[in-house]
C-alpha atoms as a PDB file:
ATOM      1  CA  MET A   1      25.906   0.513  -2.137  1.00  0.00           C
ATOM      2  CA  ILE A   2      27.284   3.971  -2.745  1.00  0.00           C
ATOM      3  CA  ALA A   3      26.852   5.974  -5.936  1.00  0.00           C
ATOM      4  CA  VAL A   4      28.740   9.193  -6.732  1.00  0.00           C
ATOM      5  CA  ILE A   5      26.664  10.839  -9.466  1.00  0.00           C
ATOM      6  CA  GLN A   6      28.094  13.661 -11.525  1.00  0.00           C
ATOM      7  CA  ARG A   7      25.947  15.605 -13.985  1.00  0.00           C
ATOM      8  CA  VAL A   8      28.057  15.798 -17.149  1.00  0.00           C
ATOM      9  CA  THR A   9      27.887  17.228 -20.636  1.00  0.00           C
ATOM     10  CA  GLN A  10      30.266  14.462 -21.713  1.00  0.00           C
ATOM     11  CA  ALA A  11      32.276  11.623 -20.182  1.00  0.00           C
ATOM     12  CA  LYS A  12      34.371   8.708 -21.323  1.00  0.00           C
ATOM     13  CA  VAL A  13      36.256   5.849 -19.770  1.00  0.00           C
ATOM     14  CA  SER A  14      39.405   4.382 -21.361  1.00  0.00           C
ATOM     15  CA  ILE A  15      41.276   1.199 -20.652  1.00  0.00           C
ATOM     16  CA  GLU A  16      44.880   1.035 -21.958  1.00  0.00           C
ATOM     17  CA  GLU A  17      44.111   4.106 -24.104  1.00  0.00           C
ATOM     18  CA  LYS A  18      41.105   2.481 -25.768  1.00  0.00           C
ATOM     19  CA  VAL A  19      37.643   4.025 -25.143  1.00  0.00           C
ATOM     20  CA  ALA A  20      35.420   1.506 -23.355  1.00  0.00           C
ATOM     21  CA  GLY A  21      32.409   3.724 -22.814  1.00  0.00           C
ATOM     22  CA  LYS A  22      31.401   7.253 -23.809  1.00  0.00           C
ATOM     23  CA  ILE A  23      28.326   9.475 -23.248  1.00  0.00           C
ATOM     24  CA  GLY A  24      27.086  12.965 -23.939  1.00  0.00           C
ATOM     25  CA  ASN A  25      24.610  14.731 -21.609  1.00  0.00           C
ATOM     26  CA  GLY A  26      23.812  12.641 -18.545  1.00  0.00           C
ATOM     27  CA  PHE A  27      25.343  11.054 -15.485  1.00  0.00           C
ATOM     28  CA  MET A  28      28.827   9.722 -14.769  1.00  0.00           C
ATOM     29  CA  VAL A  29      28.134   7.221 -11.958  1.00  0.00           C
ATOM     30  CA  LEU A  30      30.846   5.722  -9.780  1.00  0.00           C
ATOM     31  CA  LEU A  31      29.421   2.670  -7.948  1.00  0.00           C
ATOM     32  CA  GLY A  32      30.838   1.154  -4.786  1.00  0.00           C
ATOM     33  CA  ILE A  33      29.497  -2.198  -3.663  1.00  0.00           C
ATOM     34  CA  THR A  34      29.895  -3.463  -0.121  1.00  0.00           C
ATOM     35  CA  HIS A  35      29.690  -6.975   1.364  1.00  0.00           C
ATOM     36  CA  ASP A  36      26.090  -6.705   2.593  1.00  0.00           C
ATOM     37  CA  ASP A  37      24.558  -5.175  -0.546  1.00  0.00           C
ATOM     38  CA  THR A  38      21.698  -7.081  -2.208  1.00  0.00           C
ATOM     39  CA  GLN A  39      19.405  -6.925  -5.200  1.00  0.00           C
ATOM     40  CA  ALA A  40      17.160  -4.650  -3.109  1.00  0.00           C
ATOM     41  CA  ASP A  41      19.947  -2.077  -3.020  1.00  0.00           C
ATOM     42  CA  VAL A  42      20.267  -2.317  -6.807  1.00  0.00           C
ATOM     43  CA  GLU A  43      16.560  -1.750  -7.317  1.00  0.00           C
ATOM     44  CA  TRP A  44      16.287   1.155  -4.894  1.00  0.00           C
ATOM     45  CA  LEU A  45      19.456   2.898  -6.119  1.00  0.00           C
ATOM     46  CA  SER A  46      18.783   2.459  -9.847  1.00  0.00           C
ATOM     47  CA  LYS A  47      15.324   3.991  -9.408  1.00  0.00           C
ATOM     48  CA  LYS A  48      16.776   6.865  -7.450  1.00  0.00           C
ATOM     49  CA  ILE A  49      19.457   7.534 -10.102  1.00  0.00           C
ATOM     50  CA  VAL A  50      17.163   7.664 -13.143  1.00  0.00           C
ATOM     51  CA  ASN A  51      14.577   9.806 -11.335  1.00  0.00           C
ATOM     52  CA  LEU A  52      17.046  12.211  -9.663  1.00  0.00           C
ATOM     53  CA  ARG A  53      15.869  15.719 -10.610  1.00  0.00           C
ATOM     54  CA  VAL A  54      19.060  17.723 -11.149  1.00  0.00           C
ATOM     55  CA  PHE A  55      18.674  18.939 -14.761  1.00  0.00           C
ATOM     56  CA  SER A  56      17.405  22.476 -15.487  1.00  0.00           C
ATOM     57  CA  ASP A  57      13.871  23.115 -16.655  1.00  0.00           C
ATOM     58  CA  ALA A  58      12.760  26.040 -18.821  1.00  0.00           C
ATOM     59  CA  GLU A  59      13.017  28.356 -15.791  1.00  0.00           C
ATOM     60  CA  ASP A  60      16.584  27.177 -15.051  1.00  0.00           C
ATOM     61  CA  LYS A  61      15.456  25.334 -11.911  1.00  0.00           C
ATOM     62  CA  MET A  62      16.889  21.837 -11.247  1.00  0.00           C
ATOM     63  CA  ASN A  63      13.607  20.066 -11.737  1.00  0.00           C
ATOM     64  CA  LEU A  64      14.123  17.500 -14.542  1.00  0.00           C
ATOM     65  CA  SER A  65      15.303  13.900 -14.309  1.00  0.00           C
ATOM     66  CA  LEU A  66      17.586  11.906 -16.552  1.00  0.00           C
ATOM     67  CA  LEU A  67      14.429  10.419 -18.084  1.00  0.00           C
ATOM     68  CA  ASP A  68      13.024  13.887 -18.805  1.00  0.00           C
ATOM     69  CA  VAL A  69      16.169  15.028 -20.650  1.00  0.00           C
ATOM     70  CA  GLU A  70      16.742  11.652 -22.360  1.00  0.00           C
ATOM     71  CA  GLY A  71      20.248  11.574 -20.840  1.00  0.00           C
ATOM     72  CA  GLU A  72      22.780   8.811 -20.782  1.00  0.00           C
ATOM     73  CA  ILE A  73      24.671   6.959 -18.058  1.00  0.00           C
ATOM     74  CA  LEU A  74      28.329   5.941 -17.845  1.00  0.00           C
ATOM     75  CA  LEU A  75      28.644   3.499 -14.949  1.00  0.00           C
ATOM     76  CA  VAL A  76      32.018   2.584 -13.448  1.00  0.00           C
ATOM     77  CA  SER A  77      32.603   0.222 -10.562  1.00  0.00           C
ATOM     78  CA  GLN A  78      34.810   1.786  -7.888  1.00  0.00           C
ATOM     79  CA  PHE A  79      35.643  -0.272  -4.787  1.00  0.00           C
ATOM     80  CA  THR A  80      37.613   2.663  -3.273  1.00  0.00           C
ATOM     81  CA  LEU A  81      34.314   4.343  -2.357  1.00  0.00           C
ATOM     82  CA  HIS A  82      34.192   1.953   0.598  1.00  0.00           C
ATOM     83  CA  ALA A  83      37.658   2.934   1.796  1.00  0.00           C
ATOM     84  CA  SER A  84      38.153   3.312   5.534  1.00  0.00           C
ATOM     85  CA  THR A  85      40.699   5.899   6.664  1.00  0.00           C
ATOM     86  CA  LYS A  86      40.157   5.571  10.396  1.00  0.00           C
ATOM     87  CA  LYS A  87      43.599   4.099  11.091  1.00  0.00           C
ATOM     88  CA  GLY A  88      46.808   5.458   9.614  1.00  0.00           C
ATOM     89  CA  ASN A  89      47.140   6.975   6.193  1.00  0.00           C
ATOM     90  CA  ARG A  90      46.771   3.853   3.994  1.00  0.00           C
ATOM     91  CA  PRO A  91      43.066   3.203   3.308  1.00  0.00           C
ATOM     92  CA  SER A  92      41.552  -0.164   4.176  1.00  0.00           C
ATOM     93  CA  TYR A  93      39.134  -1.707   1.680  1.00  0.00           C
ATOM     94  CA  ASN A  94      37.717  -4.401   3.934  1.00  0.00           C
ATOM     95  CA  ASP A  95      34.222  -3.063   3.426  1.00  0.00           C
ATOM     96  CA  ALA A  96      34.341  -3.432  -0.349  1.00  0.00           C
ATOM     97  CA  ALA A  97      32.596  -6.500  -1.638  1.00  0.00           C
ATOM     98  CA  LYS A  98      34.692  -9.377  -3.008  1.00  0.00           C
ATOM     99  CA  PRO A  99      34.392  -9.891  -6.801  1.00  0.00           C
ATOM    100  CA  GLU A 100      32.214 -12.982  -6.443  1.00  0.00           C
ATOM    101  CA  LEU A 101      29.493 -10.755  -4.906  1.00  0.00           C
ATOM    102  CA  ALA A 102      30.323  -7.420  -6.488  1.00  0.00           C
ATOM    103  CA  ILE A 103      30.423  -8.524 -10.147  1.00  0.00           C
ATOM    104  CA  PRO A 104      26.869  -9.973 -10.225  1.00  0.00           C
ATOM    105  CA  LEU A 105      25.504  -6.883  -8.430  1.00  0.00           C
ATOM    106  CA  TYR A 106      27.390  -4.555 -10.784  1.00  0.00           C
ATOM    107  CA  GLU A 107      25.955  -6.454 -13.788  1.00  0.00           C
ATOM    108  CA  SER A 108      22.531  -6.320 -12.192  1.00  0.00           C
ATOM    109  CA  MET A 109      22.894  -2.534 -11.799  1.00  0.00           C
ATOM    110  CA  ILE A 110      23.747  -2.196 -15.480  1.00  0.00           C
ATOM    111  CA  GLU A 111      20.648  -4.135 -16.414  1.00  0.00           C
ATOM    112  CA  ALA A 112      18.383  -2.259 -13.946  1.00  0.00           C
ATOM    113  CA  LEU A 113      19.559   1.163 -15.123  1.00  0.00           C
ATOM    114  CA  SER A 114      19.230   0.138 -18.809  1.00  0.00           C
ATOM    115  CA  ASN A 115      15.679  -1.143 -18.242  1.00  0.00           C
ATOM    116  CA  LYS A 116      14.621   1.939 -16.319  1.00  0.00           C
ATOM    117  CA  LEU A 117      16.231   4.384 -18.736  1.00  0.00           C
ATOM    118  CA  GLY A 118      15.168   2.475 -21.833  1.00  0.00           C
ATOM    119  CA  LYS A 119      18.630   2.539 -23.429  1.00  0.00           C
ATOM    120  CA  GLN A 120      22.024   0.889 -23.200  1.00  0.00           C
ATOM    121  CA  ILE A 121      24.290   1.940 -20.335  1.00  0.00           C
ATOM    122  CA  GLN A 122      27.930   2.677 -21.089  1.00  0.00           C
ATOM    123  CA  THR A 123      30.401   1.094 -18.658  1.00  0.00           C
ATOM    124  CA  GLY A 124      33.968   0.621 -17.775  1.00  0.00           C
ATOM    125  CA  GLU A 125      35.415  -2.844 -17.050  1.00  0.00           C
ATOM    126  CA  PHE A 126      35.118  -4.327 -13.580  1.00  0.00           C
ATOM    127  CA  GLY A 127      38.528  -4.489 -11.905  1.00  0.00           C
ATOM    128  CA  ALA A 128      40.424  -2.797 -14.692  1.00  0.00           C
ATOM    129  CA  MET A 129      42.728   0.244 -14.364  1.00  0.00           C
ATOM    130  CA  MET A 130      40.695   2.968 -16.072  1.00  0.00           C
ATOM    131  CA  ASP A 131      41.130   6.615 -17.039  1.00  0.00           C
ATOM    132  CA  ILE A 132      38.014   8.782 -16.871  1.00  0.00           C
ATOM    133  CA  ASP A 133      37.584  12.103 -18.682  1.00  0.00           C
ATOM    134  CA  LEU A 134      34.500  14.148 -17.958  1.00  0.00           C
ATOM    135  CA  VAL A 135      33.017  17.614 -17.993  1.00  0.00           C
ATOM    136  CA  ASN A 136      31.054  18.054 -14.741  1.00  0.00           C
ATOM    137  CA  ASN A 137      28.193  20.376 -15.535  1.00  0.00           C
ATOM    138  CA  GLY A 138      27.291  22.857 -12.834  1.00  0.00           C
ATOM    139  CA  PRO A 139      29.263  21.398 -11.143  1.00  0.00           C
ATOM    140  CA  VAL A 140      26.640  18.989  -9.784  1.00  0.00           C
ATOM    141  CA  THR A 141      27.846  16.001  -7.790  1.00  0.00           C
ATOM    142  CA  ILE A 142      25.481  13.942  -5.597  1.00  0.00           C
ATOM    143  CA  ILE A 143      26.392  11.050  -3.304  1.00  0.00           C
ATOM    144  CA  ILE A 144      23.735   8.460  -2.516  1.00  0.00           C
ATOM    145  CA  ASP A 145      24.207   5.584  -0.074  1.00  0.00           C
ATOM    146  CA  SER A 146      21.533   2.867  -0.217  1.00  0.00           C
ATOM    147  CA  LYS A 147      22.097   2.180   3.487  1.00  0.00           C
ATOM    148  CA  GLU A 148      20.740   5.638   4.267  1.00  0.00           C
ATOM    149  CA  LYS A 149      17.381   5.154   2.509  1.00  0.00           C
ATOM    150  CA  LYS A 150      15.263   5.060   5.650  1.00  0.00           C
END
């Protein structure tokens, strides 16, 4: 499971010009699920996301977590994070999980983040064509792969 986490001052996702999810200060998280991801990946990654210390403290040092700043999360599923570009110029998405595996894990991630953060998580819509607007603060962008947790 791969997460691309962007610290934002605001973000929104729209589907057919209708806002599906919107946040203020917090994280815009793009989530890529692969065929061998499990609930253990959800638990590890969700804990990592809410505890990631990339918000500034009183001394302007990145030392505070999403929990500390009472931030929000906008979570969007993005299978293209598992693109392979080894052959040719057209990416292969063979490593992306099929919907029958990906959807339950995506929904589980929504629940896990919501439980850990203590508030509702804003989302896009699995499999939909979406437009995302955001203001990346810093800019701060972190990539976390649950397969590299060892």
